[in-house]
Amino acid sequence: MDYINAEWSPKLIRQWLGLTDKQMSDVMEYIKTHTAEVEAEYREVIRQAEEHRRYWEEYNRERFAAIAALPPKPGQEAIRDKLRAKKAELGML
């Protein structure tokens, strides 16, 4: 549904997912015939994915903070400077 919602063409979706013409036409026909059910299931999948993402972000929050607080490893100064410069260039700092 993400590809359809992003307005990808059926041909592009078919190629991206490695489907046959028949499989793609069957999928499109199924979605057309069962639009309400497909959209409801899609919303539920998105809701569950967001719930899982929030859970794991919270679960790992302290660990990520601990990792961020670690001092830089010796010998990485040049790459860290390069990364900082790129972030500044992209407006990420």
N, C-alpha and C. Protein backbone atom coordinates (compact mmCIF):
# COMPACT_ATOMS: atom_id res chain seq x y z
N MET A 1 0.82 -1.19 0.00
CA MET A 1 0.00 0.00 0.00
C MET A 1 0.86 1.25 0.00
N ASP A 2 2.05 1.17 0.60
CA ASP A 2 2.91 2.36 0.60
C ASP A 2 3.23 2.80 -0.82
N TYR A 3 3.50 1.84 -1.69
CA TYR A 3 3.84 2.17 -3.07
C TYR A 3 2.63 2.74 -3.81
N ILE A 4 1.48 2.18 -3.56
CA ILE A 4 0.27 2.69 -4.19
C ILE A 4 -0.03 4.09 -3.68
N ASN A 5 0.08 4.29 -2.36
CA ASN A 5 -0.17 5.61 -1.78
C ASN A 5 0.85 6.64 -2.26
N ALA A 6 2.05 6.17 -2.58
CA ALA A 6 3.09 7.07 -3.11
C ALA A 6 2.92 7.28 -4.62
N GLU A 7 1.86 6.71 -5.17
CA GLU A 7 1.50 6.84 -6.59
C GLU A 7 2.53 6.23 -7.54
N TRP A 8 3.14 5.12 -7.09
CA TRP A 8 3.99 4.37 -8.01
C TRP A 8 3.09 3.71 -9.03
N SER A 9 3.59 3.56 -10.23
CA SER A 9 2.82 2.87 -11.25
C SER A 9 2.80 1.38 -10.95
N PRO A 10 1.75 0.68 -11.37
CA PRO A 10 1.74 -0.78 -11.17
C PRO A 10 2.95 -1.46 -11.80
N LYS A 11 3.41 -0.94 -12.94
CA LYS A 11 4.58 -1.54 -13.59
C LYS A 11 5.82 -1.41 -12.69
N LEU A 12 6.00 -0.24 -12.10
CA LEU A 12 7.15 -0.03 -11.22
C LEU A 12 7.04 -0.91 -9.97
N ILE A 13 5.85 -0.98 -9.39
CA ILE A 13 5.64 -1.83 -8.20
C ILE A 13 5.94 -3.28 -8.56
N ARG A 14 5.43 -3.72 -9.70
CA ARG A 14 5.65 -5.09 -10.15
C ARG A 14 7.14 -5.39 -10.28
N GLN A 15 7.88 -4.48 -10.90
CA GLN A 15 9.32 -4.67 -11.07
C GLN A 15 10.04 -4.66 -9.72
N TRP A 16 9.69 -3.72 -8.86
CA TRP A 16 10.36 -3.57 -7.57
C TRP A 16 10.16 -4.80 -6.69
N LEU A 17 8.94 -5.37 -6.74
CA LEU A 17 8.64 -6.52 -5.89
C LEU A 17 8.85 -7.86 -6.58
N GLY A 18 9.24 -7.82 -7.84
CA GLY A 18 9.52 -9.06 -8.56
C GLY A 18 8.27 -9.89 -8.83
N LEU A 19 7.17 -9.21 -9.14
CA LEU A 19 5.91 -9.90 -9.40
C LEU A 19 5.73 -10.10 -10.90
N THR A 20 4.93 -11.09 -11.24
CA THR A 20 4.56 -11.28 -12.64
C THR A 20 3.43 -10.31 -12.97
N ASP A 21 3.15 -10.15 -14.26
CA ASP A 21 2.03 -9.30 -14.68
C ASP A 21 0.73 -9.81 -14.07
N LYS A 22 0.56 -11.12 -14.06
CA LYS A 22 -0.67 -11.72 -13.52
C LYS A 22 -0.79 -11.44 -12.02
N GLN A 23 0.31 -11.63 -11.29
CA GLN A 23 0.27 -11.37 -9.85
C GLN A 23 -0.08 -9.91 -9.57
N MET A 24 0.51 -9.00 -10.33
CA MET A 24 0.25 -7.58 -10.10
C MET A 24 -1.19 -7.24 -10.43
N SER A 25 -1.69 -7.78 -11.53
CA SER A 25 -3.09 -7.48 -11.87
C SER A 25 -4.04 -8.09 -10.83
N ASP A 26 -3.70 -9.28 -10.31
CA ASP A 26 -4.52 -9.89 -9.25
C ASP A 26 -4.51 -9.02 -7.99
N VAL A 27 -3.34 -8.51 -7.63
CA VAL A 27 -3.23 -7.65 -6.45
C VAL A 27 -4.08 -6.40 -6.63
N MET A 28 -3.94 -5.76 -7.78
CA MET A 28 -4.69 -4.53 -8.02
C MET A 28 -6.20 -4.79 -8.03
N GLU A 29 -6.60 -5.91 -8.60
CA GLU A 29 -8.02 -6.26 -8.62
C GLU A 29 -8.52 -6.54 -7.20
N TYR A 30 -7.72 -7.25 -6.40
CA TYR A 30 -8.11 -7.54 -5.02
C TYR A 30 -8.28 -6.25 -4.23
N ILE A 31 -7.31 -5.35 -4.37
CA ILE A 31 -7.38 -4.08 -3.65
C ILE A 31 -8.62 -3.29 -4.09
N LYS A 32 -8.89 -3.30 -5.38
CA LYS A 32 -10.06 -2.58 -5.90
C LYS A 32 -11.35 -3.18 -5.34
N THR A 33 -11.41 -4.50 -5.27
CA THR A 33 -12.61 -5.19 -4.82
C THR A 33 -12.81 -5.10 -3.31
N HIS A 34 -11.70 -5.07 -2.57
CA HIS A 34 -11.76 -5.09 -1.10
C HIS A 34 -11.11 -3.85 -0.50
N THR A 35 -11.35 -2.70 -1.07
CA THR A 35 -10.68 -1.47 -0.66
C THR A 35 -10.82 -1.18 0.82
N ALA A 36 -12.01 -1.24 1.34
CA ALA A 36 -12.22 -0.90 2.76
C ALA A 36 -11.45 -1.84 3.68
N GLU A 37 -11.49 -3.14 3.40
CA GLU A 37 -10.78 -4.10 4.24
C GLU A 37 -9.27 -3.92 4.14
N VAL A 38 -8.78 -3.72 2.92
CA VAL A 38 -7.34 -3.55 2.71
C VAL A 38 -6.86 -2.29 3.44
N GLU A 39 -7.59 -1.20 3.30
CA GLU A 39 -7.20 0.04 3.97
C GLU A 39 -7.25 -0.09 5.48
N ALA A 40 -8.25 -0.79 6.01
CA ALA A 40 -8.34 -1.00 7.46
C ALA A 40 -7.15 -1.83 7.96
N GLU A 41 -6.83 -2.88 7.25
CA GLU A 41 -5.68 -3.72 7.63
C GLU A 41 -4.39 -2.93 7.53
N TYR A 42 -4.26 -2.12 6.49
CA TYR A 42 -3.07 -1.29 6.31
C TYR A 42 -2.92 -0.31 7.47
N ARG A 43 -4.00 0.34 7.86
CA ARG A 43 -3.95 1.27 9.00
C ARG A 43 -3.53 0.54 10.28
N GLU A 44 -4.03 -0.69 10.47
CA GLU A 44 -3.67 -1.47 11.66
C GLU A 44 -2.18 -1.83 11.63
N VAL A 45 -1.66 -2.21 10.49
CA VAL A 45 -0.24 -2.53 10.37
C VAL A 45 0.61 -1.30 10.67
N ILE A 46 0.21 -0.15 10.14
CA ILE A 46 0.94 1.09 10.40
C ILE A 46 0.88 1.44 11.88
N ARG A 47 -0.29 1.28 12.51
CA ARG A 47 -0.44 1.56 13.94
C ARG A 47 0.48 0.67 14.77
N GLN A 48 0.49 -0.63 14.45
CA GLN A 48 1.34 -1.57 15.19
C GLN A 48 2.82 -1.24 14.98
N ALA A 49 3.20 -0.89 13.77
CA ALA A 49 4.60 -0.55 13.49
C ALA A 49 5.02 0.67 14.30
N GLU A 50 4.15 1.67 14.37
CA GLU A 50 4.45 2.88 15.15
C GLU A 50 4.53 2.54 16.64
N GLU A 51 3.65 1.69 17.11
CA GLU A 51 3.69 1.25 18.51
C GLU A 51 5.00 0.53 18.82
N HIS A 52 5.42 -0.35 17.94
CA HIS A 52 6.69 -1.08 18.12
C HIS A 52 7.87 -0.12 18.10
N ARG A 53 7.83 0.84 17.15
CA ARG A 53 8.93 1.80 17.06
C ARG A 53 9.05 2.59 18.36
N ARG A 54 7.92 3.08 18.89
CA ARG A 54 7.94 3.83 20.15
C ARG A 54 8.45 2.97 21.30
N TYR A 55 8.00 1.72 21.34
CA TYR A 55 8.45 0.81 22.40
C TYR A 55 9.97 0.66 22.37
N TRP A 56 10.52 0.36 21.19
CA TRP A 56 11.96 0.11 21.10
C TRP A 56 12.77 1.39 21.30
N GLU A 57 12.25 2.53 20.89
CA GLU A 57 12.94 3.79 21.17
C GLU A 57 13.04 4.01 22.68
N GLU A 58 11.93 3.81 23.37
CA GLU A 58 11.93 3.98 24.82
C GLU A 58 12.82 2.93 25.49
N TYR A 59 12.72 1.70 25.03
CA TYR A 59 13.50 0.60 25.59
C TYR A 59 15.01 0.88 25.47
N ASN A 60 15.42 1.48 24.36
CA ASN A 60 16.84 1.72 24.09
C ASN A 60 17.32 3.13 24.42
N ARG A 61 16.41 3.99 24.90
CA ARG A 61 16.75 5.40 25.15
C ARG A 61 17.99 5.53 26.05
N GLU A 62 18.01 4.84 27.17
CA GLU A 62 19.14 4.95 28.09
C GLU A 62 20.42 4.42 27.46
N ARG A 63 20.31 3.34 26.72
CA ARG A 63 21.50 2.76 26.08
C ARG A 63 22.06 3.72 25.03
N PHE A 64 21.18 4.32 24.23
CA PHE A 64 21.64 5.27 23.22
C PHE A 64 22.29 6.49 23.88
N ALA A 65 21.73 6.94 25.00
CA ALA A 65 22.30 8.08 25.72
C ALA A 65 23.69 7.71 26.27
N ALA A 66 23.82 6.50 26.78
CA ALA A 66 25.12 6.04 27.30
C ALA A 66 26.15 5.96 26.18
N ILE A 67 25.74 5.47 25.03
CA ILE A 67 26.66 5.37 23.89
C ILE A 67 27.07 6.78 23.44
N ALA A 68 26.11 7.69 23.38
CA ALA A 68 26.40 9.06 22.94
C ALA A 68 27.35 9.77 23.90
N ALA A 69 27.31 9.39 25.18
CA ALA A 69 28.16 10.03 26.18
C ALA A 69 29.57 9.47 26.21
N LEU A 70 29.82 8.37 25.53
CA LEU A 70 31.17 7.79 25.53
C LEU A 70 32.14 8.74 24.84
N PRO A 71 33.36 8.79 25.34
CA PRO A 71 34.35 9.65 24.67
C PRO A 71 34.71 9.05 23.30
N PRO A 72 35.11 9.89 22.37
CA PRO A 72 35.47 9.37 21.04
C PRO A 72 36.68 8.44 21.14
N LYS A 73 36.70 7.47 20.27
CA LYS A 73 37.81 6.54 20.25
C LYS A 73 39.03 7.26 19.66
N PRO A 74 40.20 6.96 20.21
CA PRO A 74 41.42 7.58 19.68
C PRO A 74 41.62 7.22 18.21
N GLY A 75 42.08 8.18 17.44
CA GLY A 75 42.35 7.94 16.03
C GLY A 75 41.17 8.25 15.13
N GLN A 76 40.04 8.66 15.71
CA GLN A 76 38.86 8.96 14.90
C GLN A 76 38.60 10.46 14.76
N GLU A 77 39.56 11.26 15.20
CA GLU A 77 39.36 12.70 15.19
C GLU A 77 39.07 13.22 13.78
N ALA A 78 39.84 12.77 12.80
CA ALA A 78 39.69 13.28 11.43
C ALA A 78 38.32 12.93 10.86
N ILE A 79 37.89 11.71 11.05
CA ILE A 79 36.59 11.30 10.51
C ILE A 79 35.45 12.01 11.24
N ARG A 80 35.61 12.23 12.55
CA ARG A 80 34.58 12.96 13.31
C ARG A 80 34.50 14.41 12.85
N ASP A 81 35.65 15.03 12.57
CA ASP A 81 35.66 16.40 12.05
C ASP A 81 34.97 16.46 10.69
N LYS A 82 35.24 15.48 9.84
CA LYS A 82 34.63 15.43 8.52
C LYS A 82 33.11 15.25 8.63
N LEU A 83 32.68 14.39 9.55
CA LEU A 83 31.26 14.15 9.77
C LEU A 83 30.59 15.42 10.31
N ARG A 84 31.24 16.09 11.26
CA ARG A 84 30.69 17.32 11.81
C ARG A 84 30.54 18.39 10.72
N ALA A 85 31.55 18.50 9.84
CA ALA A 85 31.50 19.49 8.75
C ALA A 85 30.36 19.17 7.79
N LYS A 86 30.16 17.90 7.48
CA LYS A 86 29.08 17.51 6.56
C LYS A 86 27.72 17.79 7.20
N LYS A 87 27.57 17.48 8.48
CA LYS A 87 26.33 17.78 9.18
C LYS A 87 26.05 19.27 9.18
N ALA A 88 27.07 20.07 9.40
CA ALA A 88 26.90 21.53 9.40
C ALA A 88 26.47 21.99 8.00
N GLU A 89 27.10 21.42 6.98
CA GLU A 89 26.77 21.76 5.60
C GLU A 89 25.32 21.43 5.29
N LEU A 90 24.81 20.33 5.83
CA LEU A 90 23.44 19.90 5.59
C LEU A 90 22.45 20.54 6.56
N GLY A 91 22.97 21.36 7.49
CA GLY A 91 22.09 22.03 8.45
C GLY A 91 21.58 21.10 9.53
N MET A 92 22.33 20.07 9.84
CA MET A 92 21.90 19.08 10.84
C MET A 92 22.45 19.38 12.23
N LEU A 93 23.22 20.42 12.35
CA LEU A 93 23.77 20.77 13.67
C LEU A 93 23.05 21.95 14.24
